[in-house]
Amino acid sequence: GYLDTGEALLKIVKPTRRCIVITHQQKNLSRNLDLLRTLRANSEGRFGLYATVVKPGKIRVNDRLRFYPAETHHTT
């Protein structure tokens, strides 16, 4: 599918998965495997999207994003 901001257009390539780095012990904090388990339980492990730029443009805070399925979007 595609994400359109009105100025920029992105083609979604695939979802990203959260890596295990958040489970590693941090300074003054113990290792916590529950963080990743919780994220996976609530988001099926999806954390973001890989996308390619179809049309460059600025993306600003509070821009409205519109999603279009690949088979319905026109890149004109």
PDB file of N, CA and C in Angstrom:
ATOM      1  N   GLY A   1       0.816  -1.174   0.000  1.00  0.00           N
ATOM      2  CA  GLY A   1       0.000   0.000   0.000  1.00  0.00           C
ATOM      3  C   GLY A   1       0.870   1.250   0.000  1.00  0.00           C
ATOM      4  N   TYR A   2       0.210   2.389   0.104  1.00  0.00           N
ATOM      5  CA  TYR A   2       0.879   3.685   0.075  1.00  0.00           C
ATOM      6  C   TYR A   2       0.438   4.552   1.244  1.00  0.00           C
ATOM      7  N   LEU A   3       1.337   5.410   1.715  1.00  0.00           N
ATOM      8  CA  LEU A   3       1.021   6.456   2.675  1.00  0.00           C
ATOM      9  C   LEU A   3       1.232   7.789   1.979  1.00  0.00           C
ATOM     10  N   ASP A   4       0.223   8.631   2.032  1.00  0.00           N
ATOM     11  CA  ASP A   4       0.256   9.927   1.355  1.00  0.00           C
ATOM     12  C   ASP A   4       0.061  11.025   2.390  1.00  0.00           C
ATOM     13  N   THR A   5       0.975  12.006   2.418  1.00  0.00           N
ATOM     14  CA  THR A   5       0.851  13.135   3.343  1.00  0.00           C
ATOM     15  C   THR A   5       0.275  14.359   2.647  1.00  0.00           C
ATOM     16  N   GLY A   6       0.037  14.250   1.372  1.00  0.00           N
ATOM     17  CA  GLY A   6      -0.378  15.403   0.590  1.00  0.00           C
ATOM     18  C   GLY A   6       0.806  16.016  -0.126  1.00  0.00           C
ATOM     19  N   GLU A   7       1.981  15.884   0.466  1.00  0.00           N
ATOM     20  CA  GLU A   7       3.204  16.382  -0.167  1.00  0.00           C
ATOM     21  C   GLU A   7       4.123  15.214  -0.518  1.00  0.00           C
ATOM     22  N   ALA A   8       4.330  14.318   0.435  1.00  0.00           N
ATOM     23  CA  ALA A   8       5.183  13.149   0.210  1.00  0.00           C
ATOM     24  C   ALA A   8       4.311  11.918  -0.018  1.00  0.00           C
ATOM     25  N   LEU A   9       4.848  10.978  -0.781  1.00  0.00           N
ATOM     26  CA  LEU A   9       4.162   9.710  -1.023  1.00  0.00           C
ATOM     27  C   LEU A   9       5.154   8.588  -0.775  1.00  0.00           C
ATOM     28  N   LEU A  10       4.781   7.657   0.095  1.00  0.00           N
ATOM     29  CA  LEU A  10       5.630   6.522   0.441  1.00  0.00           C
ATOM     30  C   LEU A  10       4.954   5.225   0.041  1.00  0.00           C
ATOM     31  N   LYS A  11       5.728   4.303  -0.502  1.00  0.00           N
ATOM     32  CA  LYS A  11       5.223   2.965  -0.804  1.00  0.00           C
ATOM     33  C   LYS A  11       5.670   2.041   0.321  1.00  0.00           C
ATOM     34  N   ILE A  12       4.720   1.414   0.984  1.00  0.00           N
ATOM     35  CA  ILE A  12       5.031   0.504   2.085  1.00  0.00           C
ATOM     36  C   ILE A  12       5.629  -0.774   1.515  1.00  0.00           C
ATOM     37  N   VAL A  13       6.781  -1.163   2.059  1.00  0.00           N
ATOM     38  CA  VAL A  13       7.466  -2.360   1.593  1.00  0.00           C
ATOM     39  C   VAL A  13       7.095  -3.552   2.465  1.00  0.00           C
ATOM     40  N   LYS A  14       7.241  -3.406   3.788  1.00  0.00           N
ATOM     41  CA  LYS A  14       6.877  -4.483   4.713  1.00  0.00           C
ATOM     42  C   LYS A  14       6.933  -3.954   6.140  1.00  0.00           C
ATOM     43  N   PRO A  15       6.258  -4.636   7.062  1.00  0.00           N
ATOM     44  CA  PRO A  15       6.334  -4.221   8.467  1.00  0.00           C
ATOM     45  C   PRO A  15       7.686  -4.586   9.066  1.00  0.00           C
ATOM     46  N   THR A  16       8.096  -3.821  10.061  1.00  0.00           N
ATOM     47  CA  THR A  16       9.322  -4.146  10.791  1.00  0.00           C
ATOM     48  C   THR A  16       8.948  -4.828  12.093  1.00  0.00           C
ATOM     49  N   ARG A  17       9.872  -5.593  12.623  1.00  0.00           N
ATOM     50  CA  ARG A  17       9.667  -6.266  13.898  1.00  0.00           C
ATOM     51  C   ARG A  17      10.592  -5.634  14.920  1.00  0.00           C
ATOM     52  N   ARG A  18      10.167  -5.575  16.148  1.00  0.00           N
ATOM     53  CA  ARG A  18      10.979  -5.014  17.231  1.00  0.00           C
ATOM     54  C   ARG A  18      12.111  -5.979  17.534  1.00  0.00           C
ATOM     55  N   CYS A  19      13.341  -5.482  17.584  1.00  0.00           N
ATOM     56  CA  CYS A  19      14.495  -6.326  17.891  1.00  0.00           C
ATOM     57  C   CYS A  19      14.617  -6.523  19.403  1.00  0.00           C
ATOM     58  N   ILE A  20      15.507  -7.407  19.813  1.00  0.00           N
ATOM     59  CA  ILE A  20      15.627  -7.765  21.226  1.00  0.00           C
ATOM     60  C   ILE A  20      16.466  -6.794  22.039  1.00  0.00           C
ATOM     61  N   VAL A  21      16.992  -5.744  21.416  1.00  0.00           N
ATOM     62  CA  VAL A  21      17.887  -4.842  22.144  1.00  0.00           C
ATOM     63  C   VAL A  21      17.214  -4.245  23.381  1.00  0.00           C
ATOM     64  N   ILE A  22      15.894  -4.068  23.362  1.00  0.00           N
ATOM     65  CA  ILE A  22      15.218  -3.493  24.533  1.00  0.00           C
ATOM     66  C   ILE A  22      15.216  -4.435  25.728  1.00  0.00           C
ATOM     67  N   THR A  23      15.572  -5.701  25.513  1.00  0.00           N
ATOM     68  CA  THR A  23      15.619  -6.654  26.628  1.00  0.00           C
ATOM     69  C   THR A  23      16.989  -6.694  27.296  1.00  0.00           C
ATOM     70  N   HIS A  24      17.980  -6.060  26.704  1.00  0.00           N
ATOM     71  CA  HIS A  24      19.331  -6.079  27.255  1.00  0.00           C
ATOM     72  C   HIS A  24      19.418  -5.236  28.521  1.00  0.00           C
ATOM     73  N   GLN A  25      20.274  -5.668  29.409  1.00  0.00           N
ATOM     74  CA  GLN A  25      20.470  -4.934  30.656  1.00  0.00           C
ATOM     75  C   GLN A  25      21.055  -3.558  30.360  1.00  0.00           C
ATOM     76  N   GLN A  26      20.472  -2.542  30.967  1.00  0.00           N
ATOM     77  CA  GLN A  26      20.934  -1.170  30.821  1.00  0.00           C
ATOM     78  C   GLN A  26      21.583  -0.724  32.125  1.00  0.00           C
ATOM     79  N   LYS A  27      22.347   0.335  32.055  1.00  0.00           N
ATOM     80  CA  LYS A  27      22.982   0.875  33.252  1.00  0.00           C
ATOM     81  C   LYS A  27      21.911   1.138  34.313  1.00  0.00           C
ATOM     82  N   ASN A  28      22.121   0.608  35.492  1.00  0.00           N
ATOM     83  CA  ASN A  28      21.225   0.763  36.643  1.00  0.00           C
ATOM     84  C   ASN A  28      19.857   0.102  36.468  1.00  0.00           C
ATOM     85  N   LEU A  29      19.669  -0.681  35.429  1.00  0.00           N
ATOM     86  CA  LEU A  29      18.415  -1.406  35.228  1.00  0.00           C
ATOM     87  C   LEU A  29      18.718  -2.860  34.921  1.00  0.00           C
ATOM     88  N   SER A  30      17.910  -3.750  35.434  1.00  0.00           N
ATOM     89  CA  SER A  30      18.122  -5.166  35.158  1.00  0.00           C
ATOM     90  C   SER A  30      17.503  -5.542  33.813  1.00  0.00           C
ATOM     91  N   ARG A  31      17.905  -6.703  33.311  1.00  0.00           N
ATOM     92  CA  ARG A  31      17.366  -7.207  32.056  1.00  0.00           C
ATOM     93  C   ARG A  31      15.876  -7.490  32.241  1.00  0.00           C
ATOM     94  N   ASN A  32      15.073  -7.147  31.230  1.00  0.00           N
ATOM     95  CA  ASN A  32      13.635  -7.323  31.350  1.00  0.00           C
ATOM     96  C   ASN A  32      13.064  -7.894  30.053  1.00  0.00           C
ATOM     97  N   LEU A  33      12.789  -9.193  30.060  1.00  0.00           N
ATOM     98  CA  LEU A  33      12.235  -9.848  28.877  1.00  0.00           C
ATOM     99  C   LEU A  33      10.755  -9.531  28.683  1.00  0.00           C
ATOM    100  N   ASP A  34      10.103  -9.059  29.736  1.00  0.00           N
ATOM    101  CA  ASP A  34       8.672  -8.752  29.638  1.00  0.00           C
ATOM    102  C   ASP A  34       8.380  -7.609  28.668  1.00  0.00           C
ATOM    103  N   LEU A  35       9.326  -6.701  28.475  1.00  0.00           N
ATOM    104  CA  LEU A  35       9.105  -5.587  27.548  1.00  0.00           C
ATOM    105  C   LEU A  35       8.789  -6.087  26.142  1.00  0.00           C
ATOM    106  N   LEU A  36       9.627  -6.972  25.643  1.00  0.00           N
ATOM    107  CA  LEU A  36       9.433  -7.488  24.292  1.00  0.00           C
ATOM    108  C   LEU A  36       8.190  -8.367  24.225  1.00  0.00           C
ATOM    109  N   ARG A  37       7.960  -9.180  25.248  1.00  0.00           N
ATOM    110  CA  ARG A  37       6.754 -10.023  25.279  1.00  0.00           C
ATOM    111  C   ARG A  37       5.489  -9.168  25.221  1.00  0.00           C
ATOM    112  N   THR A  38       5.483  -8.086  25.973  1.00  0.00           N
ATOM    113  CA  THR A  38       4.320  -7.198  25.994  1.00  0.00           C
ATOM    114  C   THR A  38       4.104  -6.549  24.635  1.00  0.00           C
ATOM    115  N   LEU A  39       5.170  -6.062  24.025  1.00  0.00           N
ATOM    116  CA  LEU A  39       5.048  -5.468  22.689  1.00  0.00           C
ATOM    117  C   LEU A  39       4.526  -6.475  21.674  1.00  0.00           C
ATOM    118  N   ARG A  40       5.047  -7.680  21.728  1.00  0.00           N
ATOM    119  CA  ARG A  40       4.615  -8.710  20.774  1.00  0.00           C
ATOM    120  C   ARG A  40       3.164  -9.112  21.008  1.00  0.00           C
ATOM    121  N   ALA A  41       2.761  -9.187  22.262  1.00  0.00           N
ATOM    122  CA  ALA A  41       1.383  -9.573  22.574  1.00  0.00           C
ATOM    123  C   ALA A  41       0.384  -8.519  22.114  1.00  0.00           C
ATOM    124  N   ASN A  42       0.780  -7.261  22.157  1.00  0.00           N
ATOM    125  CA  ASN A  42      -0.140  -6.175  21.831  1.00  0.00           C
ATOM    126  C   ASN A  42      -0.038  -5.672  20.398  1.00  0.00           C
ATOM    127  N   SER A  43       0.991  -6.096  19.677  1.00  0.00           N
ATOM    128  CA  SER A  43       1.154  -5.580  18.313  1.00  0.00           C
ATOM    129  C   SER A  43       1.587  -6.658  17.328  1.00  0.00           C
ATOM    130  N   GLU A  44       1.490  -7.914  17.745  1.00  0.00           N
ATOM    131  CA  GLU A  44       1.944  -9.036  16.923  1.00  0.00           C
ATOM    132  C   GLU A  44       3.404  -8.875  16.518  1.00  0.00           C
ATOM    133  N   GLY A  45       4.171  -8.131  17.313  1.00  0.00           N
ATOM    134  CA  GLY A  45       5.591  -7.947  17.039  1.00  0.00           C
ATOM    135  C   GLY A  45       5.893  -6.855  16.042  1.00  0.00           C
ATOM    136  N   ARG A  46       4.862  -6.250  15.470  1.00  0.00           N
ATOM    137  CA  ARG A  46       5.096  -5.174  14.499  1.00  0.00           C
ATOM    138  C   ARG A  46       5.463  -3.900  15.243  1.00  0.00           C
ATOM    139  N   PHE A  47       6.437  -3.198  14.703  1.00  0.00           N
ATOM    140  CA  PHE A  47       6.922  -2.001  15.382  1.00  0.00           C
ATOM    141  C   PHE A  47       6.917  -0.776  14.484  1.00  0.00           C
ATOM    142  N   GLY A  48       6.941  -0.972  13.210  1.00  0.00           N
ATOM    143  CA  GLY A  48       6.983   0.133  12.261  1.00  0.00           C
ATOM    144  C   GLY A  48       6.854  -0.401  10.849  1.00  0.00           C
ATOM    145  N   LEU A  49       7.248   0.401   9.884  1.00  0.00           N
ATOM    146  CA  LEU A  49       7.157   0.020   8.479  1.00  0.00           C
ATOM    147  C   LEU A  49       8.431   0.390   7.742  1.00  0.00           C
ATOM    148  N   TYR A  50       8.825  -0.470   6.819  1.00  0.00           N
ATOM    149  CA  TYR A  50       9.836  -0.093   5.842  1.00  0.00           C
ATOM    150  C   TYR A  50       9.076   0.477   4.654  1.00  0.00           C
ATOM    151  N   ALA A  51       9.580   1.577   4.105  1.00  0.00           N
ATOM    152  CA  ALA A  51       8.912   2.202   2.967  1.00  0.00           C
ATOM    153  C   ALA A  51       9.946   2.814   2.037  1.00  0.00           C
ATOM    154  N   THR A  52       9.563   2.977   0.787  1.00  0.00           N
ATOM    155  CA  THR A  52      10.399   3.678  -0.184  1.00  0.00           C
ATOM    156  C   THR A  52       9.686   4.971  -0.583  1.00  0.00           C
ATOM    157  N   VAL A  53      10.467   5.955  -0.964  1.00  0.00           N
ATOM    158  CA  VAL A  53       9.912   7.254  -1.343  1.00  0.00           C
ATOM    159  C   VAL A  53       9.508   7.210  -2.813  1.00  0.00           C
ATOM    160  N   VAL A  54       8.235   7.432  -3.069  1.00  0.00           N
ATOM    161  CA  VAL A  54       7.725   7.528  -4.435  1.00  0.00           C
ATOM    162  C   VAL A  54       7.782   8.982  -4.887  1.00  0.00           C
ATOM    163  N   LYS A  55       7.358   9.876  -3.996  1.00  0.00           N
ATOM    164  CA  LYS A  55       7.388  11.315  -4.278  1.00  0.00           C
ATOM    165  C   LYS A  55       7.954  12.020  -3.051  1.00  0.00           C
ATOM    166  N   PRO A  56       9.137  12.641  -3.156  1.00  0.00           N
ATOM    167  CA  PRO A  56       9.724  13.327  -2.006  1.00  0.00           C
ATOM    168  C   PRO A  56       8.862  14.510  -1.561  1.00  0.00           C
ATOM    169  N   GLY A  57       8.952  14.815  -0.293  1.00  0.00           N
ATOM    170  CA  GLY A  57       8.252  15.964   0.267  1.00  0.00           C
ATOM    171  C   GLY A  57       8.448  15.990   1.762  1.00  0.00           C
ATOM    172  N   LYS A  58       8.082  17.087   2.373  1.00  0.00           N
ATOM    173  CA  LYS A  58       8.215  17.216   3.821  1.00  0.00           C
ATOM    174  C   LYS A  58       7.066  16.496   4.516  1.00  0.00           C
ATOM    175  N   ILE A  59       7.401  15.897   5.654  1.00  0.00           N
ATOM    176  CA  ILE A  59       6.401  15.305   6.535  1.00  0.00           C
ATOM    177  C   ILE A  59       6.530  16.035   7.856  1.00  0.00           C
ATOM    178  N   ARG A  60       5.452  16.638   8.282  1.00  0.00           N
ATOM    179  CA  ARG A  60       5.477  17.476   9.480  1.00  0.00           C
ATOM    180  C   ARG A  60       4.654  16.844  10.599  1.00  0.00           C
ATOM    181  N   VAL A  61       4.965  17.240  11.829  1.00  0.00           N
ATOM    182  CA  VAL A  61       4.164  16.824  12.977  1.00  0.00           C
ATOM    183  C   VAL A  61       2.719  17.239  12.708  1.00  0.00           C
ATOM    184  N   ASN A  62       1.798  16.356  13.009  1.00  0.00           N
ATOM    185  CA  ASN A  62       0.353  16.560  12.833  1.00  0.00           C
ATOM    186  C   ASN A  62      -0.121  16.503  11.384  1.00  0.00           C
ATOM    187  N   ASP A  63       0.750  16.145  10.434  1.00  0.00           N
ATOM    188  CA  ASP A  63       0.279  15.916   9.068  1.00  0.00           C
ATOM    189  C   ASP A  63      -0.702  14.750   9.078  1.00  0.00           C
ATOM    190  N   ARG A  64      -1.738  14.858   8.295  1.00  0.00           N
ATOM    191  CA  ARG A  64      -2.697  13.766   8.168  1.00  0.00           C
ATOM    192  C   ARG A  64      -2.141  12.759   7.162  1.00  0.00           C
ATOM    193  N   LEU A  65      -2.073  11.502   7.565  1.00  0.00           N
ATOM    194  CA  LEU A  65      -1.619  10.443   6.674  1.00  0.00           C
ATOM    195  C   LEU A  65      -2.828   9.726   6.098  1.00  0.00           C
ATOM    196  N   ARG A  66      -2.782   9.464   4.828  1.00  0.00           N
ATOM    197  CA  ARG A  66      -3.829   8.691   4.181  1.00  0.00           C
ATOM    198  C   ARG A  66      -3.213   7.397   3.666  1.00  0.00           C
ATOM    199  N   PHE A  67      -3.869   6.285   3.956  1.00  0.00           N
ATOM    200  CA  PHE A  67      -3.414   4.982   3.496  1.00  0.00           C
ATOM    201  C   PHE A  67      -4.250   4.571   2.299  1.00  0.00           C
ATOM    202  N   TYR A  68      -3.560   4.076   1.275  1.00  0.00           N
ATOM    203  CA  TYR A  68      -4.234   3.556   0.098  1.00  0.00           C
ATOM    204  C   TYR A  68      -3.716   2.150  -0.175  1.00  0.00           C
ATOM    205  N   PRO A  69      -4.597   1.167  -0.324  1.00  0.00           N
ATOM    206  CA  PRO A  69      -4.140  -0.163  -0.730  1.00  0.00           C
ATOM    207  C   PRO A  69      -3.438  -0.076  -2.086  1.00  0.00           C
ATOM    208  N   ALA A  70      -2.469  -0.924  -2.301  1.00  0.00           N
ATOM    209  CA  ALA A  70      -1.657  -0.870  -3.525  1.00  0.00           C
ATOM    210  C   ALA A  70      -2.503  -0.922  -4.786  1.00  0.00           C
ATOM    211  N   GLU A  71      -3.553  -1.722  -4.774  1.00  0.00           N
ATOM    212  CA  GLU A  71      -4.344  -1.895  -5.994  1.00  0.00           C
ATOM    213  C   GLU A  71      -5.291  -0.723  -6.281  1.00  0.00           C
ATOM    214  N   THR A  72      -5.460   0.207  -5.324  1.00  0.00           N
ATOM    215  CA  THR A  72      -6.396   1.306  -5.551  1.00  0.00           C
ATOM    216  C   THR A  72      -5.728   2.662  -5.694  1.00  0.00           C
ATOM    217  N   HIS A  73      -4.447   2.763  -5.355  1.00  0.00           N
ATOM    218  CA  HIS A  73      -3.802   4.078  -5.358  1.00  0.00           C
ATOM    219  C   HIS A  73      -3.299   4.453  -6.742  1.00  0.00           C
ATOM    220  N   HIS A  74      -3.507   5.710  -7.078  1.00  0.00           N
ATOM    221  CA  HIS A  74      -2.995   6.255  -8.341  1.00  0.00           C
ATOM    222  C   HIS A  74      -1.885   7.236  -8.009  1.00  0.00           C
ATOM    223  N   THR A  75      -0.734   7.102  -8.627  1.00  0.00           N
ATOM    224  CA  THR A  75       0.422   7.935  -8.302  1.00  0.00           C
ATOM    225  C   THR A  75       0.497   9.181  -9.171  1.00  0.00           C
ATOM    226  N   THR A  76      -0.604   9.698  -9.626  1.00  0.00           N
ATOM    227  CA  THR A  76      -0.596  10.914 -10.442  1.00  0.00           C
ATOM    228  C   THR A  76      -0.734  12.141  -9.577  1.00  0.00           C
TER     229      THR A  76
END
